[in-house]
């Protein structure tokens, strides 16, 4: 039996949402909404888009969190794009952040209007070398890569060319299928 590769499980680039790094937050919202609405099944629903530069190189990803953070510009001052906020168990940290850092002082609708001019390059998460995996990598390599890096998705490449995106959920579904097949 031929080994399953990342190419076998990935969402091909032509089926994945993409944006220019010059796109606005408004265009990001429209692109993500279109991609989700076109999904024929829950498996196909996308929560992120690949971001390309002027030379057509994949330089980042933008997801739902990035869109929400893009609404309030002061989040960028607290935490640079591409880094996760530390998770604090104390709810007081979340409440005091509003006052301490001046978050959400403008009415929500004003922030939304202003956010339509925010550029994707300012809110995207850069794609690190660790978030890329070769198209011919095996299932074992993909699982290892995702587990060690705690990645929800990986950009599938062949050389320097982006072919698609591999989701943790698709790898997990394949793992489940195989475990159940072992029982049969």
C-alpha atoms as a PDB file:
ATOM      1  CA  UNK A   1       0.000   0.000   0.000  1.00  0.00           C
ATOM      2  CA  UNK A   2       1.266   3.465  -0.951  1.00  0.00           C
ATOM      3  CA  UNK A   3       2.049   5.635   2.094  1.00  0.00           C
ATOM      4  CA  UNK A   4      -0.292   8.584   2.675  1.00  0.00           C
ATOM      5  CA  UNK A   5       1.443  11.910   2.155  1.00  0.00           C
ATOM      6  CA  UNK A   6       0.592  15.462   3.091  1.00  0.00           C
ATOM      7  CA  UNK A   7      -0.357  16.018  -0.567  1.00  0.00           C
ATOM      8  CA  UNK A   8      -3.085  13.371  -0.165  1.00  0.00           C
ATOM      9  CA  UNK A   9      -4.656  15.131   2.830  1.00  0.00           C
ATOM     10  CA  UNK A  10      -4.099  18.826   2.102  1.00  0.00           C
ATOM     11  CA  UNK A  11      -6.601  21.403   0.896  1.00  0.00           C
ATOM     12  CA  UNK A  12      -5.214  22.389  -2.541  1.00  0.00           C
ATOM     13  CA  UNK A  13      -4.206  26.032  -2.922  1.00  0.00           C
ATOM     14  CA  UNK A  14      -6.835  26.610  -5.632  1.00  0.00           C
ATOM     15  CA  UNK A  15      -9.518  25.681  -3.067  1.00  0.00           C
ATOM     16  CA  UNK A  16      -8.022  27.735  -0.253  1.00  0.00           C
ATOM     17  CA  UNK A  17      -8.745  31.385   0.548  1.00  0.00           C
ATOM     18  CA  UNK A  18      -5.913  33.725  -0.437  1.00  0.00           C
ATOM     19  CA  UNK A  19      -5.249  37.431  -0.032  1.00  0.00           C
ATOM     20  CA  UNK A  20      -2.684  40.004  -1.052  1.00  0.00           C
ATOM     21  CA  UNK A  21      -0.722  41.508   1.828  1.00  0.00           C
ATOM     22  CA  UNK A  22      -2.126  44.834   0.591  1.00  0.00           C
ATOM     23  CA  UNK A  23      -5.734  43.682   1.143  1.00  0.00           C
ATOM     24  CA  UNK A  24      -7.741  45.464   3.818  1.00  0.00           C
ATOM     25  CA  UNK A  25      -9.431  43.997   6.855  1.00  0.00           C
ATOM     26  CA  UNK A  26     -12.721  44.493   5.011  1.00  0.00           C
ATOM     27  CA  UNK A  27     -11.468  42.384   2.079  1.00  0.00           C
ATOM     28  CA  UNK A  28     -10.255  39.774   4.557  1.00  0.00           C
ATOM     29  CA  UNK A  29     -13.686  39.507   6.148  1.00  0.00           C
ATOM     30  CA  UNK A  30     -15.354  39.181   2.739  1.00  0.00           C
ATOM     31  CA  UNK A  31     -12.835  36.555   1.582  1.00  0.00           C
ATOM     32  CA  UNK A  32     -13.185  34.446   4.728  1.00  0.00           C
ATOM     33  CA  UNK A  33     -16.955  34.722   4.677  1.00  0.00           C
ATOM     34  CA  UNK A  34     -17.080  33.703   0.992  1.00  0.00           C
ATOM     35  CA  UNK A  35     -14.815  30.721   1.635  1.00  0.00           C
ATOM     36  CA  UNK A  36     -16.954  29.560   4.542  1.00  0.00           C
ATOM     37  CA  UNK A  37     -20.199  30.030   2.591  1.00  0.00           C
ATOM     38  CA  UNK A  38     -18.870  28.044  -0.388  1.00  0.00           C
ATOM     39  CA  UNK A  39     -17.945  25.096   1.818  1.00  0.00           C
ATOM     40  CA  UNK A  40     -19.956  22.034   0.910  1.00  0.00           C
ATOM     41  CA  UNK A  41     -19.226  20.344   4.237  1.00  0.00           C
ATOM     42  CA  UNK A  42     -17.924  21.274   7.690  1.00  0.00           C
ATOM     43  CA  UNK A  43     -14.548  19.797   6.671  1.00  0.00           C
ATOM     44  CA  UNK A  44     -14.236  22.425   3.959  1.00  0.00           C
ATOM     45  CA  UNK A  45     -15.022  25.424   6.171  1.00  0.00           C
ATOM     46  CA  UNK A  46     -12.009  27.702   6.330  1.00  0.00           C
ATOM     47  CA  UNK A  47     -11.027  29.873   9.217  1.00  0.00           C
ATOM     48  CA  UNK A  48      -7.881  31.338   7.668  1.00  0.00           C
ATOM     49  CA  UNK A  49      -6.449  32.673   4.427  1.00  0.00           C
ATOM     50  CA  UNK A  50      -2.939  32.494   3.017  1.00  0.00           C
ATOM     51  CA  UNK A  51      -1.362  35.893   2.414  1.00  0.00           C
ATOM     52  CA  UNK A  52       0.859  36.504  -0.615  1.00  0.00           C
ATOM     53  CA  UNK A  53       3.265  39.361  -1.325  1.00  0.00           C
ATOM     54  CA  UNK A  54       3.765  41.226  -4.623  1.00  0.00           C
ATOM     55  CA  UNK A  55       6.183  38.493  -5.827  1.00  0.00           C
ATOM     56  CA  UNK A  56       3.469  35.869  -5.201  1.00  0.00           C
ATOM     57  CA  UNK A  57       5.278  34.339  -2.221  1.00  0.00           C
ATOM     58  CA  UNK A  58       3.251  33.039   0.711  1.00  0.00           C
ATOM     59  CA  UNK A  59       4.314  35.322   3.550  1.00  0.00           C
ATOM     60  CA  UNK A  60       1.618  34.861   6.160  1.00  0.00           C
ATOM     61  CA  UNK A  61      -1.739  33.617   7.294  1.00  0.00           C
ATOM     62  CA  UNK A  62      -4.640  35.587   8.642  1.00  0.00           C
ATOM     63  CA  UNK A  63      -7.290  33.891  10.771  1.00  0.00           C
ATOM     64  CA  UNK A  64     -10.346  34.780  12.819  1.00  0.00           C
ATOM     65  CA  UNK A  65      -8.240  35.849  15.807  1.00  0.00           C
ATOM     66  CA  UNK A  66      -6.225  38.193  13.635  1.00  0.00           C
ATOM     67  CA  UNK A  67      -9.419  39.802  12.320  1.00  0.00           C
ATOM     68  CA  UNK A  68     -10.713  40.357  15.858  1.00  0.00           C
ATOM     69  CA  UNK A  69      -7.373  41.783  16.962  1.00  0.00           C
ATOM     70  CA  UNK A  70      -7.365  44.028  13.889  1.00  0.00           C
ATOM     71  CA  UNK A  71     -10.504  45.770  15.146  1.00  0.00           C
ATOM     72  CA  UNK A  72      -8.658  47.288  18.096  1.00  0.00           C
ATOM     73  CA  UNK A  73      -5.305  48.780  17.009  1.00  0.00           C
ATOM     74  CA  UNK A  74      -3.944  48.844  20.563  1.00  0.00           C
ATOM     75  CA  UNK A  75      -3.687  45.041  20.548  1.00  0.00           C
ATOM     76  CA  UNK A  76      -0.788  45.425  18.104  1.00  0.00           C
ATOM     77  CA  UNK A  77       1.000  47.577  20.675  1.00  0.00           C
ATOM     78  CA  UNK A  78       0.514  44.885  23.314  1.00  0.00           C
ATOM     79  CA  UNK A  79       1.604  41.997  21.181  1.00  0.00           C
ATOM     80  CA  UNK A  80       3.335  41.958  17.805  1.00  0.00           C
ATOM     81  CA  UNK A  81       1.663  40.077  14.930  1.00  0.00           C
ATOM     82  CA  UNK A  82       2.588  36.425  14.806  1.00  0.00           C
ATOM     83  CA  UNK A  83       2.882  35.984  18.545  1.00  0.00           C
ATOM     84  CA  UNK A  84       0.235  34.482  20.779  1.00  0.00           C
ATOM     85  CA  UNK A  85      -1.054  36.286  23.835  1.00  0.00           C
ATOM     86  CA  UNK A  86      -0.112  34.477  27.019  1.00  0.00           C
ATOM     87  CA  UNK A  87      -3.074  32.699  28.548  1.00  0.00           C
ATOM     88  CA  UNK A  88      -3.734  33.932  32.063  1.00  0.00           C
ATOM     89  CA  UNK A  89      -6.010  31.947  34.353  1.00  0.00           C
ATOM     90  CA  UNK A  90      -6.977  35.043  36.364  1.00  0.00           C
ATOM     91  CA  UNK A  91     -10.024  36.782  34.800  1.00  0.00           C
ATOM     92  CA  UNK A  92      -8.895  40.036  36.426  1.00  0.00           C
ATOM     93  CA  UNK A  93      -6.042  40.244  33.911  1.00  0.00           C
ATOM     94  CA  UNK A  94      -8.594  40.497  31.105  1.00  0.00           C
ATOM     95  CA  UNK A  95     -10.636  43.177  32.864  1.00  0.00           C
ATOM     96  CA  UNK A  96      -7.652  45.321  33.810  1.00  0.00           C
ATOM     97  CA  UNK A  97      -6.223  45.118  30.289  1.00  0.00           C
ATOM     98  CA  UNK A  98      -9.207  47.139  29.072  1.00  0.00           C
ATOM     99  CA  UNK A  99      -8.393  50.046  31.369  1.00  0.00           C
ATOM    100  CA  UNK A 100      -4.615  49.717  31.583  1.00  0.00           C
ATOM    101  CA  UNK A 101      -4.062  49.661  27.832  1.00  0.00           C
ATOM    102  CA  UNK A 102      -7.043  51.752  26.747  1.00  0.00           C
ATOM    103  CA  UNK A 103      -8.631  48.903  24.827  1.00  0.00           C
ATOM    104  CA  UNK A 104     -12.081  49.376  23.329  1.00  0.00           C
ATOM    105  CA  UNK A 105     -12.439  53.033  24.346  1.00  0.00           C
ATOM    106  CA  UNK A 106     -13.976  53.901  20.991  1.00  0.00           C
ATOM    107  CA  UNK A 107     -17.473  52.643  20.224  1.00  0.00           C
ATOM    108  CA  UNK A 108     -17.439  49.284  18.451  1.00  0.00           C
ATOM    109  CA  UNK A 109     -18.922  50.700  15.233  1.00  0.00           C
ATOM    110  CA  UNK A 110     -16.208  53.382  15.057  1.00  0.00           C
ATOM    111  CA  UNK A 111     -13.505  50.736  15.426  1.00  0.00           C
ATOM    112  CA  UNK A 112     -15.182  48.669  12.700  1.00  0.00           C
ATOM    113  CA  UNK A 113     -15.269  51.642  10.310  1.00  0.00           C
ATOM    114  CA  UNK A 114     -11.604  52.423  10.985  1.00  0.00           C
ATOM    115  CA  UNK A 115     -10.627  48.774  10.645  1.00  0.00           C
ATOM    116  CA  UNK A 116     -11.766  48.676   7.030  1.00  0.00           C
ATOM    117  CA  UNK A 117      -8.512  50.450   6.154  1.00  0.00           C
ATOM    118  CA  UNK A 118      -6.230  48.168   8.191  1.00  0.00           C
ATOM    119  CA  UNK A 119      -3.885  46.236   5.899  1.00  0.00           C
ATOM    120  CA  UNK A 120      -3.511  42.471   6.108  1.00  0.00           C
ATOM    121  CA  UNK A 121       0.274  42.842   6.362  1.00  0.00           C
ATOM    122  CA  UNK A 122      -0.294  44.572   9.718  1.00  0.00           C
ATOM    123  CA  UNK A 123      -2.422  41.820  11.255  1.00  0.00           C
ATOM    124  CA  UNK A 124      -1.246  38.591   9.576  1.00  0.00           C
ATOM    125  CA  UNK A 125       0.920  36.001  11.234  1.00  0.00           C
ATOM    126  CA  UNK A 126       4.132  35.392   9.289  1.00  0.00           C
ATOM    127  CA  UNK A 127       4.652  31.798   8.154  1.00  0.00           C
ATOM    128  CA  UNK A 128       7.688  30.384   9.923  1.00  0.00           C
ATOM    129  CA  UNK A 129       9.970  27.739   8.442  1.00  0.00           C
ATOM    130  CA  UNK A 130       8.493  25.307  10.974  1.00  0.00           C
ATOM    131  CA  UNK A 131       5.004  25.825   9.565  1.00  0.00           C
ATOM    132  CA  UNK A 132       5.993  24.436   6.162  1.00  0.00           C
ATOM    133  CA  UNK A 133       6.045  20.782   5.204  1.00  0.00           C
ATOM    134  CA  UNK A 134       6.992  19.074   1.954  1.00  0.00           C
ATOM    135  CA  UNK A 135       4.159  17.637  -0.125  1.00  0.00           C
ATOM    136  CA  UNK A 136       5.690  14.149  -0.098  1.00  0.00           C
ATOM    137  CA  UNK A 137       6.147  14.026   3.679  1.00  0.00           C
ATOM    138  CA  UNK A 138       4.551  10.921   5.176  1.00  0.00           C
ATOM    139  CA  UNK A 139       1.723  10.765   7.705  1.00  0.00           C
ATOM    140  CA  UNK A 140       4.271   9.976  10.402  1.00  0.00           C
ATOM    141  CA  UNK A 141       6.259  13.082   9.499  1.00  0.00           C
ATOM    142  CA  UNK A 142       3.119  15.229   9.417  1.00  0.00           C
ATOM    143  CA  UNK A 143       1.926  13.986  12.828  1.00  0.00           C
ATOM    144  CA  UNK A 144       5.401  14.487  14.285  1.00  0.00           C
ATOM    145  CA  UNK A 145       5.631  17.987  12.807  1.00  0.00           C
ATOM    146  CA  UNK A 146       2.205  19.027  14.110  1.00  0.00           C
ATOM    147  CA  UNK A 147       2.667  17.533  17.570  1.00  0.00           C
ATOM    148  CA  UNK A 148       6.147  18.937  18.197  1.00  0.00           C
ATOM    149  CA  UNK A 149       5.194  22.374  16.853  1.00  0.00           C
ATOM    150  CA  UNK A 150       1.639  22.416  18.261  1.00  0.00           C
ATOM    151  CA  UNK A 151       0.462  23.498  14.796  1.00  0.00           C
ATOM    152  CA  UNK A 152      -3.204  23.635  13.772  1.00  0.00           C
ATOM    153  CA  UNK A 153      -2.191  23.787  10.109  1.00  0.00           C
ATOM    154  CA  UNK A 154       0.884  23.552   7.916  1.00  0.00           C
ATOM    155  CA  UNK A 155       1.632  25.102   4.546  1.00  0.00           C
ATOM    156  CA  UNK A 156       2.344  22.293   2.083  1.00  0.00           C
ATOM    157  CA  UNK A 157       5.170  23.039  -0.321  1.00  0.00           C
ATOM    158  CA  UNK A 158       7.101  21.486  -3.156  1.00  0.00           C
ATOM    159  CA  UNK A 159      10.463  23.216  -3.227  1.00  0.00           C
ATOM    160  CA  UNK A 160       9.506  26.874  -2.852  1.00  0.00           C
ATOM    161  CA  UNK A 161       6.027  26.517  -4.394  1.00  0.00           C
ATOM    162  CA  UNK A 162       2.974  26.465  -2.130  1.00  0.00           C
ATOM    163  CA  UNK A 163       0.598  23.631  -3.037  1.00  0.00           C
ATOM    164  CA  UNK A 164      -1.962  23.846  -0.236  1.00  0.00           C
ATOM    165  CA  UNK A 165      -2.676  23.711   3.465  1.00  0.00           C
ATOM    166  CA  UNK A 166      -2.745  20.679   5.731  1.00  0.00           C
ATOM    167  CA  UNK A 167      -5.156  20.930   8.657  1.00  0.00           C
ATOM    168  CA  UNK A 168      -4.696  19.171  11.972  1.00  0.00           C
ATOM    169  CA  UNK A 169      -8.326  18.050  11.683  1.00  0.00           C
ATOM    170  CA  UNK A 170      -7.625  16.289   8.373  1.00  0.00           C
ATOM    171  CA  UNK A 171      -4.592  14.519   9.838  1.00  0.00           C
ATOM    172  CA  UNK A 172      -6.668  13.552  12.880  1.00  0.00           C
ATOM    173  CA  UNK A 173      -9.484  12.218  10.666  1.00  0.00           C
ATOM    174  CA  UNK A 174      -6.973  10.038   8.818  1.00  0.00           C
ATOM    175  CA  UNK A 175      -5.531   8.792  12.122  1.00  0.00           C
ATOM    176  CA  UNK A 176      -9.066   7.917  13.313  1.00  0.00           C
ATOM    177  CA  UNK A 177      -9.834   6.106  10.061  1.00  0.00           C
ATOM    178  CA  UNK A 178      -6.693   4.025  10.394  1.00  0.00           C
ATOM    179  CA  UNK A 179      -7.220   3.177  14.045  1.00  0.00           C
ATOM    180  CA  UNK A 180     -10.749   1.984  13.301  1.00  0.00           C
ATOM    181  CA  UNK A 181      -9.497  -0.018  10.297  1.00  0.00           C
ATOM    182  CA  UNK A 182      -7.071  -1.845  12.597  1.00  0.00           C
ATOM    183  CA  UNK A 183     -10.008  -3.069  14.660  1.00  0.00           C
ATOM    184  CA  UNK A 184     -11.892  -4.470  11.670  1.00  0.00           C
END
